[in-house]
């Protein structure tokens, strides 16, 4: 499936980010992310809507990552499966952090809720620690604009908000930038 975020910076719509979800590798994690984009599950256990619409990116480190998805107003998030659910798998592409991948974020193992990161560089220190559930396939320029709002310490200098989100039928990826095309999505052989 393909999902989208319409992004505003300082109240001005700057464009759309489209994400392809890895339902073949991590179906439950992908379904959680997809449903949080459509909002079809209503309210979560915390009493907040199970939807990314209106949520902001609260940590942005230029050249590294953008973190968002705290749909519970600072309480850490919620999932369609309850407060949180277990890490599904770290096999294949679900365990590798590469530029433009989208991974779930949690403070401890098996505490997946709604928070996620869009990685803009390789992050091997997180391989096998956060489930990678998709990758950005359109809107690279929007991600670049979002990064400009961050600081080296992760602070956000201006509001970066998901103004609308959902599922889309778009199936044509944007031409992937050269450094990302060269990524091998399978772990290297161990000798």
N, C-alpha and C. Protein backbone atom coordinates (compact mmCIF):
# COMPACT_ATOMS: atom_id res chain seq x y z
N UNK A 1 0.81 -1.21 0.00
CA UNK A 1 0.00 0.00 0.00
C UNK A 1 0.85 1.27 0.00
N UNK A 2 0.23 2.32 -0.47
CA UNK A 2 0.87 3.63 -0.53
C UNK A 2 0.07 4.60 0.33
N UNK A 3 0.75 5.37 1.14
CA UNK A 3 0.10 6.37 1.98
C UNK A 3 0.76 7.72 1.73
N UNK A 4 0.10 8.79 2.18
CA UNK A 4 0.66 10.12 1.95
C UNK A 4 0.48 11.00 3.17
N UNK A 5 1.38 11.98 3.25
CA UNK A 5 1.30 13.08 4.21
C UNK A 5 1.30 14.37 3.41
N UNK A 6 0.33 15.25 3.61
CA UNK A 6 0.44 16.62 3.13
C UNK A 6 1.11 17.40 4.25
N UNK A 7 2.18 18.11 3.93
CA UNK A 7 3.02 18.75 4.94
C UNK A 7 2.92 20.27 4.85
N UNK A 8 2.76 20.89 6.03
CA UNK A 8 2.85 22.35 6.09
C UNK A 8 4.03 22.73 6.98
N UNK A 9 4.66 23.83 6.63
CA UNK A 9 5.74 24.41 7.43
C UNK A 9 5.32 25.84 7.75
N UNK A 10 5.29 26.15 9.01
CA UNK A 10 4.83 27.47 9.48
C UNK A 10 3.46 27.84 8.90
N UNK A 11 2.58 26.84 8.82
CA UNK A 11 1.22 27.08 8.35
C UNK A 11 1.04 27.12 6.85
N UNK A 12 2.13 26.97 6.08
CA UNK A 12 2.04 27.01 4.62
C UNK A 12 2.24 25.60 4.06
N UNK A 13 1.29 25.14 3.25
CA UNK A 13 1.42 23.83 2.62
C UNK A 13 2.62 23.83 1.68
N UNK A 14 3.53 22.86 1.87
CA UNK A 14 4.72 22.80 1.02
C UNK A 14 4.70 21.61 0.06
N UNK A 15 3.83 20.63 0.29
CA UNK A 15 3.75 19.52 -0.64
C UNK A 15 3.37 18.21 0.03
N UNK A 16 3.51 17.14 -0.75
CA UNK A 16 3.09 15.81 -0.33
C UNK A 16 4.27 14.85 -0.32
N UNK A 17 4.31 14.03 0.73
CA UNK A 17 5.27 12.93 0.83
C UNK A 17 4.48 11.64 0.68
N UNK A 18 4.92 10.78 -0.24
CA UNK A 18 4.26 9.49 -0.46
C UNK A 18 5.20 8.38 0.01
N UNK A 19 4.63 7.46 0.77
CA UNK A 19 5.40 6.36 1.37
C UNK A 19 4.84 5.03 0.89
N UNK A 20 5.72 4.16 0.42
CA UNK A 20 5.33 2.79 0.10
C UNK A 20 5.57 1.95 1.35
N UNK A 21 4.56 1.22 1.79
CA UNK A 21 4.68 0.39 2.99
C UNK A 21 5.12 -1.03 2.62
N UNK A 22 5.89 -1.64 3.50
CA UNK A 22 6.43 -2.99 3.28
C UNK A 22 5.49 -4.04 3.86
N UNK A 23 4.28 -4.12 3.33
CA UNK A 23 3.28 -5.06 3.84
C UNK A 23 3.71 -6.51 3.63
N UNK A 24 4.57 -6.75 2.65
CA UNK A 24 5.04 -8.11 2.41
C UNK A 24 6.02 -8.58 3.48
N UNK A 25 6.74 -7.66 4.09
CA UNK A 25 7.75 -7.99 5.09
C UNK A 25 7.21 -7.87 6.52
N UNK A 26 6.47 -6.81 6.78
CA UNK A 26 5.95 -6.58 8.14
C UNK A 26 4.48 -6.14 8.04
N UNK A 27 3.58 -7.10 7.80
CA UNK A 27 2.17 -6.75 7.55
C UNK A 27 1.46 -6.04 8.70
N UNK A 28 1.69 -6.44 9.94
CA UNK A 28 1.00 -5.81 11.07
C UNK A 28 1.49 -4.38 11.27
N UNK A 29 2.80 -4.17 11.19
CA UNK A 29 3.37 -2.84 11.36
C UNK A 29 2.91 -1.92 10.23
N UNK A 30 2.89 -2.45 9.01
CA UNK A 30 2.43 -1.67 7.86
C UNK A 30 0.95 -1.32 7.99
N UNK A 31 0.14 -2.27 8.48
CA UNK A 31 -1.29 -2.00 8.66
C UNK A 31 -1.51 -0.92 9.72
N UNK A 32 -0.74 -0.97 10.79
CA UNK A 32 -0.83 0.06 11.82
C UNK A 32 -0.53 1.44 11.21
N UNK A 33 0.55 1.54 10.45
CA UNK A 33 0.93 2.82 9.84
C UNK A 33 -0.13 3.27 8.84
N UNK A 34 -0.59 2.33 7.99
CA UNK A 34 -1.61 2.67 6.98
C UNK A 34 -2.88 3.21 7.66
N UNK A 35 -3.35 2.49 8.67
CA UNK A 35 -4.59 2.88 9.35
C UNK A 35 -4.43 4.19 10.10
N UNK A 36 -3.22 4.48 10.62
CA UNK A 36 -2.98 5.77 11.27
C UNK A 36 -2.98 6.91 10.24
N UNK A 37 -2.75 6.58 8.98
CA UNK A 37 -2.85 7.58 7.92
C UNK A 37 -4.31 7.82 7.52
N UNK A 38 -5.14 6.77 7.54
CA UNK A 38 -6.54 6.94 7.12
C UNK A 38 -7.43 7.39 8.27
N UNK A 39 -7.07 7.07 9.50
CA UNK A 39 -7.88 7.43 10.65
C UNK A 39 -9.12 6.58 10.83
N UNK A 40 -9.18 5.46 10.15
CA UNK A 40 -10.40 4.64 10.12
C UNK A 40 -10.75 3.93 11.43
N UNK A 41 -9.82 3.89 12.39
CA UNK A 41 -10.07 3.18 13.64
C UNK A 41 -10.66 4.06 14.75
N UNK A 42 -10.89 5.32 14.48
CA UNK A 42 -11.52 6.18 15.48
C UNK A 42 -10.57 6.56 16.61
N UNK A 43 -11.02 6.42 17.84
CA UNK A 43 -10.23 6.79 19.01
C UNK A 43 -9.41 5.62 19.53
N UNK A 44 -8.21 5.94 20.06
CA UNK A 44 -7.35 4.93 20.65
C UNK A 44 -7.61 4.79 22.14
N UNK A 45 -6.87 3.89 22.78
CA UNK A 45 -7.03 3.66 24.21
C UNK A 45 -6.77 4.91 25.04
N UNK A 46 -5.95 5.80 24.52
CA UNK A 46 -5.62 7.03 25.26
C UNK A 46 -6.70 8.11 25.09
N UNK A 47 -7.70 7.84 24.24
CA UNK A 47 -8.77 8.81 24.02
C UNK A 47 -8.51 9.79 22.89
N UNK A 48 -7.37 9.70 22.24
CA UNK A 48 -7.03 10.57 21.10
C UNK A 48 -7.35 9.85 19.79
N UNK A 49 -7.64 10.61 18.72
CA UNK A 49 -7.89 9.97 17.42
C UNK A 49 -6.67 9.19 16.95
N UNK A 50 -6.92 8.01 16.40
CA UNK A 50 -5.85 7.19 15.83
C UNK A 50 -5.58 7.66 14.41
N UNK A 51 -4.94 8.82 14.29
CA UNK A 51 -4.68 9.41 12.98
C UNK A 51 -3.51 10.39 13.08
N UNK A 52 -2.65 10.36 12.06
CA UNK A 52 -1.51 11.28 12.03
C UNK A 52 -1.91 12.71 11.65
N UNK A 53 -3.09 12.90 11.07
CA UNK A 53 -3.51 14.23 10.63
C UNK A 53 -3.51 15.20 11.81
N UNK A 54 -2.83 16.33 11.63
CA UNK A 54 -2.73 17.35 12.68
C UNK A 54 -1.54 17.19 13.60
N UNK A 55 -0.84 16.06 13.49
CA UNK A 55 0.34 15.85 14.36
C UNK A 55 1.57 16.52 13.74
N UNK A 56 2.58 16.73 14.56
CA UNK A 56 3.76 17.45 14.08
C UNK A 56 5.01 16.58 14.20
N UNK A 57 6.05 17.04 13.54
CA UNK A 57 7.38 16.43 13.68
C UNK A 57 8.05 17.15 14.83
N UNK A 58 8.32 16.43 15.91
CA UNK A 58 8.83 17.07 17.12
C UNK A 58 10.35 16.98 17.26
N UNK A 59 11.00 16.17 16.43
CA UNK A 59 12.46 16.09 16.41
C UNK A 59 12.92 16.08 14.95
N UNK A 60 13.79 17.00 14.59
CA UNK A 60 14.32 17.06 13.23
C UNK A 60 15.82 17.33 13.32
N UNK A 61 16.62 16.40 12.82
CA UNK A 61 18.07 16.55 12.76
C UNK A 61 18.45 16.57 11.28
N UNK A 62 18.81 17.73 10.74
CA UNK A 62 19.14 17.81 9.31
C UNK A 62 20.22 16.81 8.92
N UNK A 63 20.00 16.15 7.78
CA UNK A 63 20.95 15.18 7.29
C UNK A 63 20.91 13.85 8.02
N UNK A 64 19.95 13.69 8.93
CA UNK A 64 19.88 12.45 9.69
C UNK A 64 18.46 11.88 9.79
N UNK A 65 17.54 12.61 10.44
CA UNK A 65 16.20 12.05 10.62
C UNK A 65 15.17 13.09 10.99
N UNK A 66 13.89 12.69 10.80
CA UNK A 66 12.74 13.49 11.21
C UNK A 66 11.82 12.56 11.99
N UNK A 67 11.45 12.95 13.19
CA UNK A 67 10.61 12.09 14.03
C UNK A 67 9.26 12.74 14.27
N UNK A 68 8.20 11.96 14.09
CA UNK A 68 6.85 12.44 14.31
C UNK A 68 5.97 11.30 14.80
N UNK A 69 4.67 11.54 14.76
CA UNK A 69 3.72 10.49 15.07
C UNK A 69 3.25 10.40 16.50
N UNK A 70 3.61 11.38 17.34
CA UNK A 70 3.08 11.35 18.70
C UNK A 70 1.66 11.93 18.63
N UNK A 71 0.70 11.05 18.41
CA UNK A 71 -0.69 11.47 18.21
C UNK A 71 -1.43 11.66 19.54
N UNK A 72 -0.73 11.49 20.66
CA UNK A 72 -1.37 11.60 21.97
C UNK A 72 -0.89 12.82 22.75
N UNK A 73 -0.49 13.86 22.03
CA UNK A 73 -0.14 15.14 22.65
C UNK A 73 0.95 15.02 23.72
N UNK A 74 2.04 14.33 23.37
CA UNK A 74 3.19 14.24 24.27
C UNK A 74 3.24 12.98 25.12
N UNK A 75 2.24 12.12 24.99
CA UNK A 75 2.21 10.90 25.81
C UNK A 75 2.88 9.71 25.14
N UNK A 76 3.44 9.89 23.94
CA UNK A 76 4.20 8.83 23.31
C UNK A 76 3.53 8.13 22.15
N UNK A 77 2.23 8.21 22.04
CA UNK A 77 1.55 7.61 20.91
C UNK A 77 0.61 6.50 21.30
N UNK A 78 0.00 5.90 20.29
CA UNK A 78 -1.00 4.85 20.45
C UNK A 78 -0.97 4.03 19.17
N UNK A 79 -1.50 2.81 19.19
CA UNK A 79 -1.54 1.98 17.99
C UNK A 79 -2.95 1.47 17.77
N UNK A 80 -3.21 0.93 16.60
CA UNK A 80 -4.53 0.35 16.33
C UNK A 80 -4.72 -0.95 17.08
N UNK A 81 -3.65 -1.51 17.62
CA UNK A 81 -3.71 -2.78 18.35
C UNK A 81 -3.79 -2.59 19.86
N UNK A 82 -3.95 -1.37 20.31
CA UNK A 82 -3.93 -1.06 21.74
C UNK A 82 -2.86 -0.02 22.00
N UNK A 83 -2.49 0.13 23.23
CA UNK A 83 -1.48 1.13 23.59
C UNK A 83 -0.19 0.95 22.80
N UNK A 84 0.26 -0.29 22.66
CA UNK A 84 1.46 -0.59 21.87
C UNK A 84 1.41 -2.07 21.47
N UNK A 85 2.35 -2.46 20.61
CA UNK A 85 2.46 -3.86 20.20
C UNK A 85 3.92 -4.22 20.00
N UNK A 86 4.18 -5.50 19.82
CA UNK A 86 5.55 -6.00 19.74
C UNK A 86 6.21 -5.67 18.41
N UNK A 87 7.55 -5.55 18.45
CA UNK A 87 8.33 -5.44 17.22
C UNK A 87 8.03 -6.68 16.39
N UNK A 88 7.63 -6.47 15.14
CA UNK A 88 7.17 -7.59 14.32
C UNK A 88 8.31 -8.44 13.75
N UNK A 89 9.27 -7.79 13.12
CA UNK A 89 10.38 -8.52 12.51
C UNK A 89 11.51 -7.54 12.19
N UNK A 90 12.72 -8.09 12.14
CA UNK A 90 13.87 -7.31 11.69
C UNK A 90 14.53 -8.02 10.51
N UNK A 91 13.80 -8.92 9.88
CA UNK A 91 14.32 -9.68 8.74
C UNK A 91 14.32 -8.81 7.48
N UNK A 92 15.33 -9.00 6.62
CA UNK A 92 15.41 -8.30 5.34
C UNK A 92 15.34 -6.79 5.49
N UNK A 93 14.55 -6.17 4.64
CA UNK A 93 14.49 -4.70 4.62
C UNK A 93 13.85 -4.12 5.88
N UNK A 94 13.13 -4.91 6.66
CA UNK A 94 12.52 -4.41 7.90
C UNK A 94 13.56 -4.15 8.99
N UNK A 95 14.80 -4.61 8.78
CA UNK A 95 15.82 -4.42 9.80
C UNK A 95 16.94 -3.48 9.42
N UNK A 96 16.84 -2.83 8.24
CA UNK A 96 17.92 -1.99 7.75
C UNK A 96 17.49 -0.54 7.62
N UNK A 97 18.23 0.38 8.23
CA UNK A 97 17.93 1.81 8.16
C UNK A 97 18.77 2.46 7.06
N UNK A 98 18.10 2.92 6.03
CA UNK A 98 18.76 3.51 4.86
C UNK A 98 18.08 4.83 4.51
N UNK A 99 18.71 5.67 3.68
CA UNK A 99 18.11 6.96 3.36
C UNK A 99 16.70 6.84 2.77
N UNK A 100 15.79 7.61 3.34
CA UNK A 100 14.39 7.70 2.96
C UNK A 100 13.55 6.51 3.44
N UNK A 101 14.11 5.69 4.32
CA UNK A 101 13.28 4.64 4.91
C UNK A 101 12.44 5.25 6.03
N UNK A 102 11.35 4.56 6.36
CA UNK A 102 10.46 4.97 7.44
C UNK A 102 10.45 3.84 8.46
N UNK A 103 10.83 4.15 9.68
CA UNK A 103 10.81 3.13 10.73
C UNK A 103 9.93 3.58 11.88
N UNK A 104 9.38 2.61 12.57
CA UNK A 104 8.65 2.93 13.79
C UNK A 104 9.68 3.31 14.85
N UNK A 105 9.23 4.05 15.86
CA UNK A 105 10.14 4.47 16.93
C UNK A 105 9.52 4.12 18.27
N UNK A 106 10.33 3.56 19.14
CA UNK A 106 9.87 3.29 20.50
C UNK A 106 11.07 3.39 21.42
N UNK A 107 10.81 3.67 22.68
CA UNK A 107 11.89 3.82 23.65
C UNK A 107 12.42 2.50 24.17
N UNK A 108 11.68 1.42 23.94
CA UNK A 108 12.08 0.10 24.44
C UNK A 108 11.61 -0.97 23.46
N UNK A 109 12.22 -2.14 23.48
CA UNK A 109 11.76 -3.22 22.60
C UNK A 109 10.28 -3.54 22.85
N UNK A 110 9.60 -3.91 21.78
CA UNK A 110 8.21 -4.35 21.85
C UNK A 110 7.27 -3.31 22.43
N UNK A 111 7.52 -2.05 22.11
CA UNK A 111 6.66 -0.95 22.55
C UNK A 111 6.26 -0.07 21.36
N UNK A 112 5.95 -0.70 20.22
CA UNK A 112 5.61 0.04 19.01
C UNK A 112 4.22 0.66 19.17
N UNK A 113 4.09 1.93 18.85
CA UNK A 113 2.80 2.61 18.92
C UNK A 113 2.60 3.37 17.61
N UNK A 114 2.69 4.70 17.64
CA UNK A 114 2.47 5.50 16.44
C UNK A 114 3.68 6.32 16.02
N UNK A 115 4.66 6.51 16.91
CA UNK A 115 5.80 7.34 16.54
C UNK A 115 6.65 6.66 15.47
N UNK A 116 7.20 7.48 14.59
CA UNK A 116 8.00 6.98 13.48
C UNK A 116 9.10 7.96 13.14
N UNK A 117 10.06 7.50 12.36
CA UNK A 117 11.13 8.36 11.84
C UNK A 117 11.25 8.19 10.34
N UNK A 118 11.52 9.29 9.67
CA UNK A 118 11.96 9.26 8.28
C UNK A 118 13.46 9.51 8.34
N UNK A 119 14.24 8.54 7.89
CA UNK A 119 15.70 8.65 7.95
C UNK A 119 16.21 9.24 6.65
N UNK A 120 17.13 10.18 6.73
CA UNK A 120 17.68 10.81 5.53
C UNK A 120 19.14 10.41 5.30
N UNK A 121 19.62 9.50 6.11
CA UNK A 121 20.97 8.96 5.96
C UNK A 121 20.96 7.53 6.48
N UNK A 122 22.02 6.80 6.23
CA UNK A 122 22.15 5.47 6.81
C UNK A 122 22.21 5.59 8.33
N UNK A 123 21.63 4.64 9.02
CA UNK A 123 21.63 4.65 10.49
C UNK A 123 21.81 3.22 10.99
N UNK A 124 22.98 2.63 10.73
CA UNK A 124 23.19 1.22 11.09
C UNK A 124 23.09 0.95 12.59
N UNK A 125 23.29 1.99 13.42
CA UNK A 125 23.18 1.80 14.86
C UNK A 125 21.76 1.43 15.27
N UNK A 126 20.77 1.68 14.41
CA UNK A 126 19.38 1.35 14.72
C UNK A 126 18.91 0.08 14.01
N UNK A 127 19.76 -0.52 13.16
CA UNK A 127 19.38 -1.77 12.49
C UNK A 127 19.05 -2.82 13.54
N UNK A 128 17.91 -3.48 13.36
CA UNK A 128 17.50 -4.51 14.30
C UNK A 128 16.94 -3.98 15.61
N UNK A 129 16.72 -2.66 15.70
CA UNK A 129 16.16 -2.09 16.93
C UNK A 129 14.81 -1.42 16.72
N UNK A 130 14.58 -0.92 15.50
CA UNK A 130 13.30 -0.31 15.15
C UNK A 130 12.86 -0.89 13.81
N UNK A 131 11.60 -1.34 13.73
CA UNK A 131 11.10 -1.98 12.51
C UNK A 131 10.97 -0.96 11.39
N UNK A 132 11.61 -1.22 10.27
CA UNK A 132 11.49 -0.39 9.08
C UNK A 132 10.26 -0.89 8.32
N UNK A 133 9.25 -0.02 8.18
CA UNK A 133 7.98 -0.45 7.61
C UNK A 133 7.69 0.14 6.24
N UNK A 134 8.59 0.98 5.71
CA UNK A 134 8.34 1.55 4.40
C UNK A 134 9.45 2.48 3.96
N UNK A 135 9.21 3.15 2.84
CA UNK A 135 10.18 4.12 2.34
C UNK A 135 9.48 5.21 1.55
N UNK A 136 10.04 6.40 1.63
CA UNK A 136 9.54 7.54 0.86
C UNK A 136 9.82 7.28 -0.61
N UNK A 137 8.79 7.42 -1.46
CA UNK A 137 8.97 7.22 -2.89
C UNK A 137 8.65 8.46 -3.71
N UNK A 138 7.99 9.43 -3.10
CA UNK A 138 7.72 10.71 -3.75
C UNK A 138 7.80 11.80 -2.69
N UNK A 139 8.21 13.00 -3.12
CA UNK A 139 8.26 14.13 -2.20
C UNK A 139 9.61 14.31 -1.53
N UNK A 140 10.68 13.90 -2.19
CA UNK A 140 12.02 14.07 -1.62
C UNK A 140 12.30 15.56 -1.35
N UNK A 141 11.81 16.42 -2.25
CA UNK A 141 12.00 17.86 -2.07
C UNK A 141 11.28 18.37 -0.82
N UNK A 142 10.13 17.78 -0.51
CA UNK A 142 9.39 18.16 0.69
C UNK A 142 10.17 17.75 1.94
N UNK A 143 10.73 16.54 1.92
CA UNK A 143 11.55 16.08 3.04
C UNK A 143 12.74 17.02 3.23
N UNK A 144 13.35 17.45 2.14
CA UNK A 144 14.46 18.41 2.23
C UNK A 144 14.02 19.71 2.90
N UNK A 145 12.85 20.21 2.54
CA UNK A 145 12.35 21.45 3.16
C UNK A 145 12.07 21.24 4.64
N UNK A 146 11.54 20.08 4.99
CA UNK A 146 11.26 19.76 6.39
C UNK A 146 12.55 19.77 7.21
N UNK A 147 13.63 19.23 6.63
CA UNK A 147 14.90 19.16 7.34
C UNK A 147 15.45 20.54 7.68
N UNK A 148 15.15 21.52 6.83
CA UNK A 148 15.65 22.87 7.06
C UNK A 148 15.10 23.49 8.35
N UNK A 149 14.05 22.90 8.89
CA UNK A 149 13.44 23.42 10.14
C UNK A 149 14.09 22.84 11.38
N UNK A 150 15.02 21.90 11.21
CA UNK A 150 15.63 21.25 12.37
C UNK A 150 16.93 21.87 12.80
N UNK A 151 17.47 21.33 13.90
CA UNK A 151 18.77 21.75 14.43
C UNK A 151 19.61 20.50 14.69
N UNK A 152 20.90 20.69 14.88
CA UNK A 152 21.80 19.57 15.15
C UNK A 152 21.42 18.81 16.41
N UNK A 153 20.77 19.50 17.36
CA UNK A 153 20.36 18.84 18.60
C UNK A 153 18.97 18.22 18.50
N UNK A 154 18.31 18.39 17.33
CA UNK A 154 16.99 17.79 17.13
C UNK A 154 15.83 18.73 17.37
N UNK A 155 16.12 19.93 17.80
CA UNK A 155 15.05 20.90 18.01
C UNK A 155 14.39 21.29 16.70
N UNK A 156 13.16 21.77 16.78
CA UNK A 156 12.42 22.19 15.59
C UNK A 156 12.21 23.70 15.69
N UNK A 157 12.73 24.42 14.69
CA UNK A 157 12.69 25.89 14.71
C UNK A 157 11.37 26.47 14.23
N UNK A 158 10.59 25.68 13.47
CA UNK A 158 9.29 26.14 12.99
C UNK A 158 8.38 24.92 12.89
N UNK A 159 7.07 25.11 13.05
CA UNK A 159 6.15 23.96 13.05
C UNK A 159 6.14 23.22 11.71
N UNK A 160 6.36 21.91 11.78
CA UNK A 160 6.26 21.02 10.62
C UNK A 160 5.12 20.06 10.94
N UNK A 161 4.01 20.20 10.20
CA UNK A 161 2.76 19.52 10.56
C UNK A 161 2.23 18.68 9.41
N UNK A 162 1.69 17.51 9.75
CA UNK A 162 0.95 16.68 8.79
C UNK A 162 -0.47 17.25 8.77
N UNK A 163 -0.81 18.01 7.73
CA UNK A 163 -2.11 18.66 7.70
C UNK A 163 -3.22 17.72 7.23
N UNK A 164 -2.86 16.74 6.44
CA UNK A 164 -3.81 15.76 5.93
C UNK A 164 -3.02 14.52 5.56
N UNK A 165 -3.63 13.36 5.71
CA UNK A 165 -2.95 12.12 5.34
C UNK A 165 -3.99 11.09 4.95
N UNK A 166 -3.53 10.02 4.32
CA UNK A 166 -4.45 8.96 3.90
C UNK A 166 -3.75 7.93 3.06
N UNK A 167 -4.54 7.11 2.42
CA UNK A 167 -4.02 6.08 1.52
C UNK A 167 -4.23 6.58 0.10
N UNK A 168 -3.33 6.25 -0.79
CA UNK A 168 -3.42 6.71 -2.17
C UNK A 168 -3.21 5.53 -3.12
N UNK A 169 -3.65 5.70 -4.33
CA UNK A 169 -3.47 4.66 -5.35
C UNK A 169 -2.24 4.91 -6.20
N UNK A 170 -1.54 6.01 -5.89
CA UNK A 170 -0.33 6.31 -6.66
C UNK A 170 0.59 5.11 -6.63
N UNK A 171 1.09 4.73 -7.78
CA UNK A 171 1.97 3.57 -7.82
C UNK A 171 3.23 3.85 -8.62
N UNK A 172 3.45 5.10 -8.98
CA UNK A 172 4.61 5.44 -9.80
C UNK A 172 5.61 6.21 -8.95
N UNK A 173 6.71 5.56 -8.53
CA UNK A 173 7.68 6.27 -7.71
C UNK A 173 8.39 7.38 -8.49
N UNK A 174 8.76 8.40 -7.76
CA UNK A 174 9.57 9.48 -8.30
C UNK A 174 10.94 8.88 -8.60
N UNK A 175 11.66 9.48 -9.54
CA UNK A 175 13.02 9.00 -9.80
C UNK A 175 13.82 9.12 -8.51
N UNK A 176 14.36 7.99 -8.09
CA UNK A 176 15.08 7.94 -6.82
C UNK A 176 16.46 8.55 -6.99
N UNK A 177 16.86 9.46 -6.09
CA UNK A 177 18.19 10.07 -6.19
C UNK A 177 19.30 9.01 -6.21
N UNK A 178 20.37 9.30 -6.93
CA UNK A 178 21.46 8.34 -7.15
C UNK A 178 21.99 7.67 -5.89
N UNK A 179 22.26 8.37 -4.79
CA UNK A 179 22.82 7.67 -3.63
C UNK A 179 21.87 6.62 -3.06
N UNK A 180 20.57 6.84 -3.20
CA UNK A 180 19.60 5.89 -2.66
C UNK A 180 19.47 4.68 -3.58
N UNK A 181 19.59 4.88 -4.90
CA UNK A 181 19.48 3.76 -5.85
C UNK A 181 20.51 2.69 -5.58
N UNK A 182 21.67 3.06 -5.03
CA UNK A 182 22.77 2.11 -4.86
C UNK A 182 22.65 1.29 -3.59
N UNK A 183 21.60 1.48 -2.81
CA UNK A 183 21.45 0.77 -1.55
C UNK A 183 21.09 -0.69 -1.82
N UNK A 184 21.76 -1.57 -1.14
CA UNK A 184 21.45 -2.98 -1.19
C UNK A 184 20.55 -3.27 0.00
N UNK A 185 19.32 -3.76 -0.27
CA UNK A 185 18.37 -3.95 0.80
C UNK A 185 18.44 -5.33 1.44
N UNK A 186 19.48 -6.07 1.16
CA UNK A 186 19.66 -7.36 1.83
C UNK A 186 20.91 -7.29 2.69
N UNK A 187 20.88 -7.92 3.86
CA UNK A 187 22.07 -7.86 4.71
C UNK A 187 23.27 -8.50 4.03
N UNK A 188 24.48 -8.01 4.28
CA UNK A 188 25.66 -8.61 3.69
C UNK A 188 25.86 -10.03 4.23
N UNK A 189 26.48 -10.86 3.40
CA UNK A 189 26.78 -12.23 3.81
C UNK A 189 27.78 -12.25 4.96
N UNK A 190 27.57 -13.10 5.91
CA UNK A 190 28.52 -13.26 7.02
C UNK A 190 29.50 -14.38 6.64
N UNK A 191 30.78 -14.14 6.81
CA UNK A 191 31.78 -15.15 6.47
C UNK A 191 32.46 -15.66 7.71
